[in-house]
Amino acid sequence: MATILAPVGMARAADVSEVSPVAATYIWSGGYIGAQAGYAWGDARVGQTFAPDSFDNYGWGYSPSGVFGGLYAGFNHQFDSGLVLGVEGDYVFADVKGTTLYRSLGVDDPTFGGVLKLDSVGSLRLRAGYAMDR
């Protein structure tokens, strides 16, 4: 094993006069865009409050679900001190929906129902951070 390592060590020593490459510096400044997609689901209950402890016997119970997708974009600026500030926004189209019937005295009423639907949502965010090392 010593015989194999000796030639490697000698070849490395011959390269000492070369300038070693500088470590890469990462800069977080600039813009970006992207896409997102997913599936959403949930449970919700809209109830009556006129009778204590009767929340499950009166009102509407929803279980919305469906797909969504959209775009996001942002911009960051890195200062010489390493501080990074940015802004990011997104807009999502959705087809998330849930239907229900009104429940009275624990029984669903087929003549009185509702729909809970999410068509789209968007947001705008500020970002702050500190770049360390890489």
N, C-alpha and C. Protein backbone atom coordinates (compact mmCIF):
# COMPACT_ATOMS: atom_id res chain seq x y z
N MET A 1 0.82 -1.19 0.00
CA MET A 1 0.00 0.00 0.00
C MET A 1 0.87 1.26 0.00
N ALA A 2 2.01 1.25 0.67
CA ALA A 2 2.91 2.41 0.70
C ALA A 2 3.46 2.70 -0.69
N THR A 3 3.65 1.69 -1.49
CA THR A 3 4.18 1.87 -2.84
C THR A 3 3.17 2.61 -3.71
N ILE A 4 1.90 2.35 -3.53
CA ILE A 4 0.86 3.01 -4.33
C ILE A 4 0.72 4.48 -3.92
N LEU A 5 0.81 4.78 -2.65
CA LEU A 5 0.63 6.15 -2.18
C LEU A 5 1.84 7.03 -2.48
N ALA A 6 3.02 6.47 -2.53
CA ALA A 6 4.22 7.28 -2.76
C ALA A 6 4.19 8.01 -4.10
N PRO A 7 3.86 7.35 -5.22
CA PRO A 7 3.83 8.09 -6.48
C PRO A 7 2.75 9.20 -6.48
N VAL A 8 1.65 8.99 -5.81
CA VAL A 8 0.60 10.02 -5.77
C VAL A 8 1.12 11.23 -5.02
N GLY A 9 1.79 11.01 -3.92
CA GLY A 9 2.35 12.11 -3.15
C GLY A 9 3.40 12.88 -3.93
N MET A 10 4.20 12.20 -4.69
CA MET A 10 5.25 12.86 -5.46
C MET A 10 4.64 13.68 -6.59
N ALA A 11 3.60 13.20 -7.23
CA ALA A 11 2.97 13.95 -8.30
C ALA A 11 2.31 15.21 -7.74
N ARG A 12 1.78 15.14 -6.58
CA ARG A 12 1.14 16.30 -5.94
C ARG A 12 2.19 17.35 -5.61
N ALA A 13 3.34 16.92 -5.17
CA ALA A 13 4.40 17.86 -4.81
C ALA A 13 4.90 18.64 -6.02
N ALA A 14 4.85 18.05 -7.19
CA ALA A 14 5.29 18.73 -8.40
C ALA A 14 4.38 19.88 -8.79
N ASP A 15 3.12 19.90 -8.30
CA ASP A 15 2.16 20.94 -8.65
C ASP A 15 2.13 22.11 -7.67
N VAL A 16 3.04 22.18 -6.75
CA VAL A 16 3.03 23.22 -5.71
C VAL A 16 3.15 24.61 -6.31
N SER A 17 3.86 24.78 -7.39
CA SER A 17 4.08 26.11 -7.96
C SER A 17 2.81 26.69 -8.59
N GLU A 18 1.82 25.87 -8.88
CA GLU A 18 0.57 26.37 -9.47
C GLU A 18 -0.24 27.12 -8.43
N VAL A 19 -0.99 28.12 -8.87
CA VAL A 19 -1.85 28.88 -7.98
C VAL A 19 -3.13 28.08 -7.76
N SER A 20 -3.48 27.85 -6.50
CA SER A 20 -4.70 27.09 -6.23
C SER A 20 -5.92 27.97 -6.52
N PRO A 21 -6.99 27.37 -7.02
CA PRO A 21 -8.18 28.16 -7.37
C PRO A 21 -8.82 28.76 -6.11
N VAL A 22 -9.38 29.95 -6.26
CA VAL A 22 -10.06 30.64 -5.17
C VAL A 22 -11.43 29.98 -4.97
N ALA A 23 -11.83 29.84 -3.72
CA ALA A 23 -13.14 29.26 -3.42
C ALA A 23 -14.23 30.11 -4.05
N ALA A 24 -15.25 29.46 -4.55
CA ALA A 24 -16.35 30.15 -5.22
C ALA A 24 -17.09 31.05 -4.22
N THR A 25 -17.45 32.24 -4.68
CA THR A 25 -18.23 33.16 -3.87
C THR A 25 -19.66 33.15 -4.40
N TYR A 26 -20.62 32.94 -3.51
CA TYR A 26 -22.01 32.90 -3.92
C TYR A 26 -22.66 34.24 -3.63
N ILE A 27 -23.33 34.77 -4.60
CA ILE A 27 -24.04 36.04 -4.47
C ILE A 27 -25.54 35.74 -4.64
N TRP A 28 -26.33 36.19 -3.68
CA TRP A 28 -27.77 35.91 -3.69
C TRP A 28 -28.57 37.00 -4.38
N SER A 29 -27.93 37.98 -5.01
CA SER A 29 -28.64 39.05 -5.69
C SER A 29 -29.19 38.54 -7.02
N GLY A 30 -30.39 39.00 -7.36
CA GLY A 30 -30.97 38.67 -8.65
C GLY A 30 -32.41 38.23 -8.54
N GLY A 31 -33.02 38.04 -9.68
CA GLY A 31 -34.41 37.65 -9.75
C GLY A 31 -34.57 36.17 -10.03
N TYR A 32 -35.77 35.67 -9.78
CA TYR A 32 -36.09 34.27 -10.05
C TYR A 32 -37.58 34.12 -10.28
N ILE A 33 -37.94 33.08 -11.01
CA ILE A 33 -39.35 32.74 -11.23
C ILE A 33 -39.49 31.23 -11.09
N GLY A 34 -40.70 30.79 -10.85
CA GLY A 34 -40.92 29.36 -10.73
C GLY A 34 -42.40 29.03 -10.82
N ALA A 35 -42.68 27.76 -10.80
CA ALA A 35 -44.05 27.27 -10.86
C ALA A 35 -44.29 26.32 -9.68
N GLN A 36 -45.53 26.21 -9.30
CA GLN A 36 -45.89 25.32 -8.21
C GLN A 36 -47.22 24.65 -8.52
N ALA A 37 -47.41 23.47 -8.00
CA ALA A 37 -48.65 22.73 -8.18
C ALA A 37 -48.84 21.83 -6.97
N GLY A 38 -50.08 21.48 -6.71
CA GLY A 38 -50.33 20.61 -5.57
C GLY A 38 -51.77 20.20 -5.45
N TYR A 39 -52.07 19.59 -4.34
CA TYR A 39 -53.41 19.10 -4.03
C TYR A 39 -53.73 19.57 -2.62
N ALA A 40 -54.95 20.07 -2.40
CA ALA A 40 -55.35 20.57 -1.09
C ALA A 40 -56.58 19.81 -0.60
N TRP A 41 -56.68 19.68 0.72
CA TRP A 41 -57.85 19.08 1.33
C TRP A 41 -58.00 19.65 2.74
N GLY A 42 -59.19 19.54 3.28
CA GLY A 42 -59.40 20.06 4.62
C GLY A 42 -60.77 19.69 5.16
N ASP A 43 -61.03 20.07 6.38
CA ASP A 43 -62.31 19.88 7.03
C ASP A 43 -62.69 21.18 7.72
N ALA A 44 -63.95 21.56 7.58
CA ALA A 44 -64.43 22.79 8.20
C ALA A 44 -65.86 22.57 8.68
N ARG A 45 -66.24 23.31 9.69
CA ARG A 45 -67.60 23.20 10.21
C ARG A 45 -68.10 24.60 10.49
N VAL A 46 -69.23 24.94 9.92
CA VAL A 46 -69.93 26.19 10.20
C VAL A 46 -71.16 25.80 10.98
N GLY A 47 -71.26 26.26 12.22
CA GLY A 47 -72.36 25.79 13.07
C GLY A 47 -73.14 26.89 13.73
N GLN A 48 -74.14 26.48 14.44
CA GLN A 48 -75.00 27.37 15.22
C GLN A 48 -74.45 27.48 16.63
N THR A 49 -74.61 28.61 17.26
CA THR A 49 -74.13 28.79 18.63
C THR A 49 -75.27 29.05 19.61
N PHE A 50 -76.52 28.90 19.16
CA PHE A 50 -77.65 29.22 20.04
C PHE A 50 -77.86 28.19 21.14
N ALA A 51 -77.38 26.99 20.96
CA ALA A 51 -77.54 25.96 21.99
C ALA A 51 -76.15 25.45 22.39
N PRO A 52 -75.79 25.55 23.67
CA PRO A 52 -74.47 25.08 24.09
C PRO A 52 -74.27 23.58 23.78
N ASP A 53 -73.06 23.23 23.40
CA ASP A 53 -72.68 21.83 23.13
C ASP A 53 -73.48 21.18 22.00
N SER A 54 -74.03 22.00 21.09
CA SER A 54 -74.80 21.40 19.99
C SER A 54 -74.15 21.66 18.64
N PHE A 55 -72.87 21.98 18.65
CA PHE A 55 -72.18 22.36 17.41
C PHE A 55 -72.26 21.27 16.34
N ASP A 56 -72.15 19.99 16.73
CA ASP A 56 -72.18 18.91 15.74
C ASP A 56 -73.59 18.61 15.23
N ASN A 57 -74.61 19.07 15.91
CA ASN A 57 -75.99 18.75 15.51
C ASN A 57 -76.63 19.81 14.63
N TYR A 58 -76.03 20.99 14.52
CA TYR A 58 -76.59 22.07 13.71
C TYR A 58 -75.48 22.67 12.85
N GLY A 59 -75.77 22.99 11.60
CA GLY A 59 -74.82 23.69 10.75
C GLY A 59 -74.39 22.90 9.54
N TRP A 60 -73.24 23.32 9.00
CA TRP A 60 -72.71 22.75 7.77
C TRP A 60 -71.32 22.19 8.03
N GLY A 61 -71.06 21.00 7.52
CA GLY A 61 -69.72 20.40 7.58
C GLY A 61 -69.16 20.29 6.18
N TYR A 62 -67.99 20.86 5.96
CA TYR A 62 -67.37 20.85 4.63
C TYR A 62 -66.08 20.03 4.66
N SER A 63 -65.79 19.36 3.56
CA SER A 63 -64.51 18.68 3.35
C SER A 63 -64.01 19.03 1.95
N PRO A 64 -63.55 20.29 1.77
CA PRO A 64 -63.10 20.70 0.43
C PRO A 64 -61.82 19.98 0.03
N SER A 65 -61.68 19.75 -1.28
CA SER A 65 -60.46 19.17 -1.83
C SER A 65 -60.35 19.54 -3.30
N GLY A 66 -59.14 19.47 -3.84
CA GLY A 66 -58.93 19.76 -5.25
C GLY A 66 -57.49 20.13 -5.54
N VAL A 67 -57.23 20.45 -6.79
CA VAL A 67 -55.88 20.76 -7.26
C VAL A 67 -55.68 22.27 -7.34
N PHE A 68 -54.40 22.68 -7.32
CA PHE A 68 -54.05 24.08 -7.51
C PHE A 68 -52.71 24.16 -8.21
N GLY A 69 -52.45 25.31 -8.81
CA GLY A 69 -51.17 25.54 -9.48
C GLY A 69 -51.01 27.00 -9.80
N GLY A 70 -49.77 27.46 -9.85
CA GLY A 70 -49.55 28.87 -10.13
C GLY A 70 -48.09 29.19 -10.33
N LEU A 71 -47.80 30.49 -10.31
CA LEU A 71 -46.45 30.99 -10.54
C LEU A 71 -46.00 31.83 -9.37
N TYR A 72 -44.69 31.89 -9.16
CA TYR A 72 -44.13 32.80 -8.17
C TYR A 72 -42.90 33.47 -8.76
N ALA A 73 -42.58 34.63 -8.25
CA ALA A 73 -41.41 35.38 -8.72
C ALA A 73 -40.89 36.22 -7.57
N GLY A 74 -39.61 36.53 -7.63
CA GLY A 74 -39.04 37.35 -6.58
C GLY A 74 -37.72 37.95 -6.99
N PHE A 75 -37.23 38.80 -6.11
CA PHE A 75 -35.94 39.45 -6.34
C PHE A 75 -35.25 39.61 -4.99
N ASN A 76 -33.96 39.27 -4.92
CA ASN A 76 -33.14 39.44 -3.72
C ASN A 76 -31.99 40.37 -4.04
N HIS A 77 -31.53 41.08 -3.02
CA HIS A 77 -30.32 41.90 -3.15
C HIS A 77 -29.41 41.61 -1.96
N GLN A 78 -28.17 41.22 -2.27
CA GLN A 78 -27.20 40.95 -1.21
C GLN A 78 -26.27 42.15 -1.09
N PHE A 79 -26.17 42.68 0.11
CA PHE A 79 -25.29 43.81 0.39
C PHE A 79 -23.88 43.28 0.73
N ASP A 80 -22.89 44.17 0.68
CA ASP A 80 -21.51 43.77 0.96
C ASP A 80 -21.35 43.18 2.35
N SER A 81 -22.20 43.57 3.28
CA SER A 81 -22.12 43.07 4.65
C SER A 81 -22.62 41.63 4.78
N GLY A 82 -23.26 41.10 3.74
CA GLY A 82 -23.83 39.75 3.80
C GLY A 82 -25.33 39.77 4.02
N LEU A 83 -25.89 40.93 4.35
CA LEU A 83 -27.33 41.06 4.52
C LEU A 83 -28.02 40.85 3.17
N VAL A 84 -29.07 40.04 3.17
CA VAL A 84 -29.85 39.78 1.95
C VAL A 84 -31.29 40.21 2.21
N LEU A 85 -31.80 41.11 1.37
CA LEU A 85 -33.19 41.56 1.45
C LEU A 85 -33.88 41.22 0.14
N GLY A 86 -35.16 40.89 0.20
CA GLY A 86 -35.87 40.54 -1.02
C GLY A 86 -37.36 40.67 -0.88
N VAL A 87 -38.00 40.47 -2.01
CA VAL A 87 -39.46 40.48 -2.08
C VAL A 87 -39.87 39.32 -2.98
N GLU A 88 -40.97 38.66 -2.64
CA GLU A 88 -41.46 37.52 -3.41
C GLU A 88 -42.97 37.55 -3.44
N GLY A 89 -43.55 37.20 -4.57
CA GLY A 89 -44.99 37.14 -4.70
C GLY A 89 -45.41 35.90 -5.47
N ASP A 90 -46.66 35.50 -5.26
CA ASP A 90 -47.17 34.36 -6.01
C ASP A 90 -48.66 34.54 -6.28
N TYR A 91 -49.11 33.85 -7.29
CA TYR A 91 -50.53 33.80 -7.62
C TYR A 91 -50.86 32.36 -8.00
N VAL A 92 -51.89 31.81 -7.37
CA VAL A 92 -52.25 30.41 -7.56
C VAL A 92 -53.69 30.30 -8.01
N PHE A 93 -53.91 29.58 -9.08
CA PHE A 93 -55.25 29.23 -9.53
C PHE A 93 -55.64 27.93 -8.83
N ALA A 94 -56.89 27.82 -8.41
CA ALA A 94 -57.29 26.65 -7.64
C ALA A 94 -58.65 26.13 -8.10
N ASP A 95 -58.83 24.86 -7.92
CA ASP A 95 -60.12 24.20 -8.12
C ASP A 95 -60.37 23.34 -6.88
N VAL A 96 -60.50 24.02 -5.75
CA VAL A 96 -60.72 23.35 -4.46
C VAL A 96 -62.16 23.62 -4.06
N LYS A 97 -62.91 22.54 -3.86
CA LYS A 97 -64.34 22.71 -3.62
C LYS A 97 -64.87 21.64 -2.68
N GLY A 98 -65.86 22.03 -1.91
CA GLY A 98 -66.55 21.09 -1.03
C GLY A 98 -68.03 21.45 -0.96
N THR A 99 -68.90 20.46 -1.01
CA THR A 99 -70.34 20.70 -0.90
C THR A 99 -70.85 20.04 0.37
N THR A 100 -71.99 20.53 0.83
CA THR A 100 -72.53 20.01 2.07
C THR A 100 -74.05 20.21 2.13
N LEU A 101 -74.65 19.56 3.07
CA LEU A 101 -76.06 19.74 3.39
C LEU A 101 -76.14 20.31 4.81
N TYR A 102 -77.19 21.08 5.07
CA TYR A 102 -77.40 21.61 6.41
C TYR A 102 -77.81 20.48 7.33
N ARG A 103 -77.26 20.47 8.52
CA ARG A 103 -77.59 19.45 9.51
C ARG A 103 -78.39 20.09 10.64
N SER A 104 -79.53 19.51 10.91
CA SER A 104 -80.38 19.98 12.01
C SER A 104 -80.78 18.79 12.86
N LEU A 105 -80.56 18.91 14.15
CA LEU A 105 -80.83 17.83 15.10
C LEU A 105 -80.10 16.54 14.71
N GLY A 106 -78.91 16.68 14.12
CA GLY A 106 -78.09 15.53 13.76
C GLY A 106 -78.49 14.87 12.46
N VAL A 107 -79.45 15.44 11.71
CA VAL A 107 -79.92 14.85 10.46
C VAL A 107 -79.66 15.84 9.32
N ASP A 108 -79.06 15.35 8.20
CA ASP A 108 -78.82 16.20 7.03
C ASP A 108 -80.13 16.54 6.34
N ASP A 109 -80.28 17.82 5.97
CA ASP A 109 -81.48 18.30 5.27
C ASP A 109 -81.15 18.37 3.77
N PRO A 110 -81.72 17.49 2.92
CA PRO A 110 -81.37 17.47 1.50
C PRO A 110 -81.87 18.69 0.73
N THR A 111 -82.71 19.52 1.32
CA THR A 111 -83.23 20.70 0.61
C THR A 111 -82.43 21.96 0.90
N PHE A 112 -81.45 21.89 1.79
CA PHE A 112 -80.74 23.10 2.19
C PHE A 112 -79.25 22.77 2.29
N GLY A 113 -78.47 23.21 1.30
CA GLY A 113 -77.04 22.89 1.28
C GLY A 113 -76.20 24.08 0.91
N GLY A 114 -74.95 23.83 0.66
CA GLY A 114 -74.04 24.91 0.30
C GLY A 114 -72.78 24.39 -0.36
N VAL A 115 -72.01 25.33 -0.90
CA VAL A 115 -70.74 25.03 -1.57
C VAL A 115 -69.67 25.94 -1.00
N LEU A 116 -68.55 25.38 -0.68
CA LEU A 116 -67.37 26.13 -0.26
C LEU A 116 -66.34 25.95 -1.36
N LYS A 117 -65.86 27.07 -1.95
CA LYS A 117 -65.00 26.97 -3.12
C LYS A 117 -63.86 27.98 -3.06
N LEU A 118 -62.66 27.53 -3.45
CA LEU A 118 -61.49 28.40 -3.56
C LEU A 118 -61.08 28.43 -5.02
N ASP A 119 -61.14 29.62 -5.64
CA ASP A 119 -60.79 29.78 -7.05
C ASP A 119 -59.34 30.23 -7.25
N SER A 120 -58.85 31.09 -6.36
CA SER A 120 -57.49 31.59 -6.50
C SER A 120 -57.05 32.23 -5.19
N VAL A 121 -55.74 32.36 -5.07
CA VAL A 121 -55.15 33.02 -3.90
C VAL A 121 -53.78 33.55 -4.29
N GLY A 122 -53.38 34.64 -3.68
CA GLY A 122 -52.08 35.21 -3.96
C GLY A 122 -51.47 35.77 -2.69
N SER A 123 -50.17 36.02 -2.74
CA SER A 123 -49.51 36.59 -1.57
C SER A 123 -48.28 37.38 -2.01
N LEU A 124 -47.86 38.26 -1.13
CA LEU A 124 -46.66 39.07 -1.34
C LEU A 124 -45.88 39.04 -0.02
N ARG A 125 -44.59 38.73 -0.09
CA ARG A 125 -43.78 38.57 1.12
C ARG A 125 -42.48 39.35 1.01
N LEU A 126 -42.01 39.85 2.15
CA LEU A 126 -40.68 40.44 2.26
C LEU A 126 -39.76 39.40 2.86
N ARG A 127 -38.51 39.41 2.44
CA ARG A 127 -37.56 38.43 2.94
C ARG A 127 -36.33 39.16 3.49
N ALA A 128 -35.73 38.57 4.52
CA ALA A 128 -34.49 39.10 5.07
C ALA A 128 -33.65 37.92 5.54
N GLY A 129 -32.35 38.01 5.32
CA GLY A 129 -31.45 36.94 5.74
C GLY A 129 -30.03 37.43 5.76
N TYR A 130 -29.14 36.53 6.11
CA TYR A 130 -27.72 36.84 6.15
C TYR A 130 -26.96 35.70 5.47
N ALA A 131 -26.15 36.04 4.47
CA ALA A 131 -25.36 35.04 3.73
C ALA A 131 -24.08 34.74 4.50
N MET A 132 -23.90 33.48 4.84
CA MET A 132 -22.71 33.04 5.57
C MET A 132 -22.03 31.94 4.77
N ASP A 133 -20.72 31.96 4.72
CA ASP A 133 -19.94 30.93 4.04
C ASP A 133 -20.43 30.80 2.60
N ARG A 134 -20.95 29.66 2.22
CA ARG A 134 -21.47 29.44 0.88
C ARG A 134 -22.93 29.75 0.86
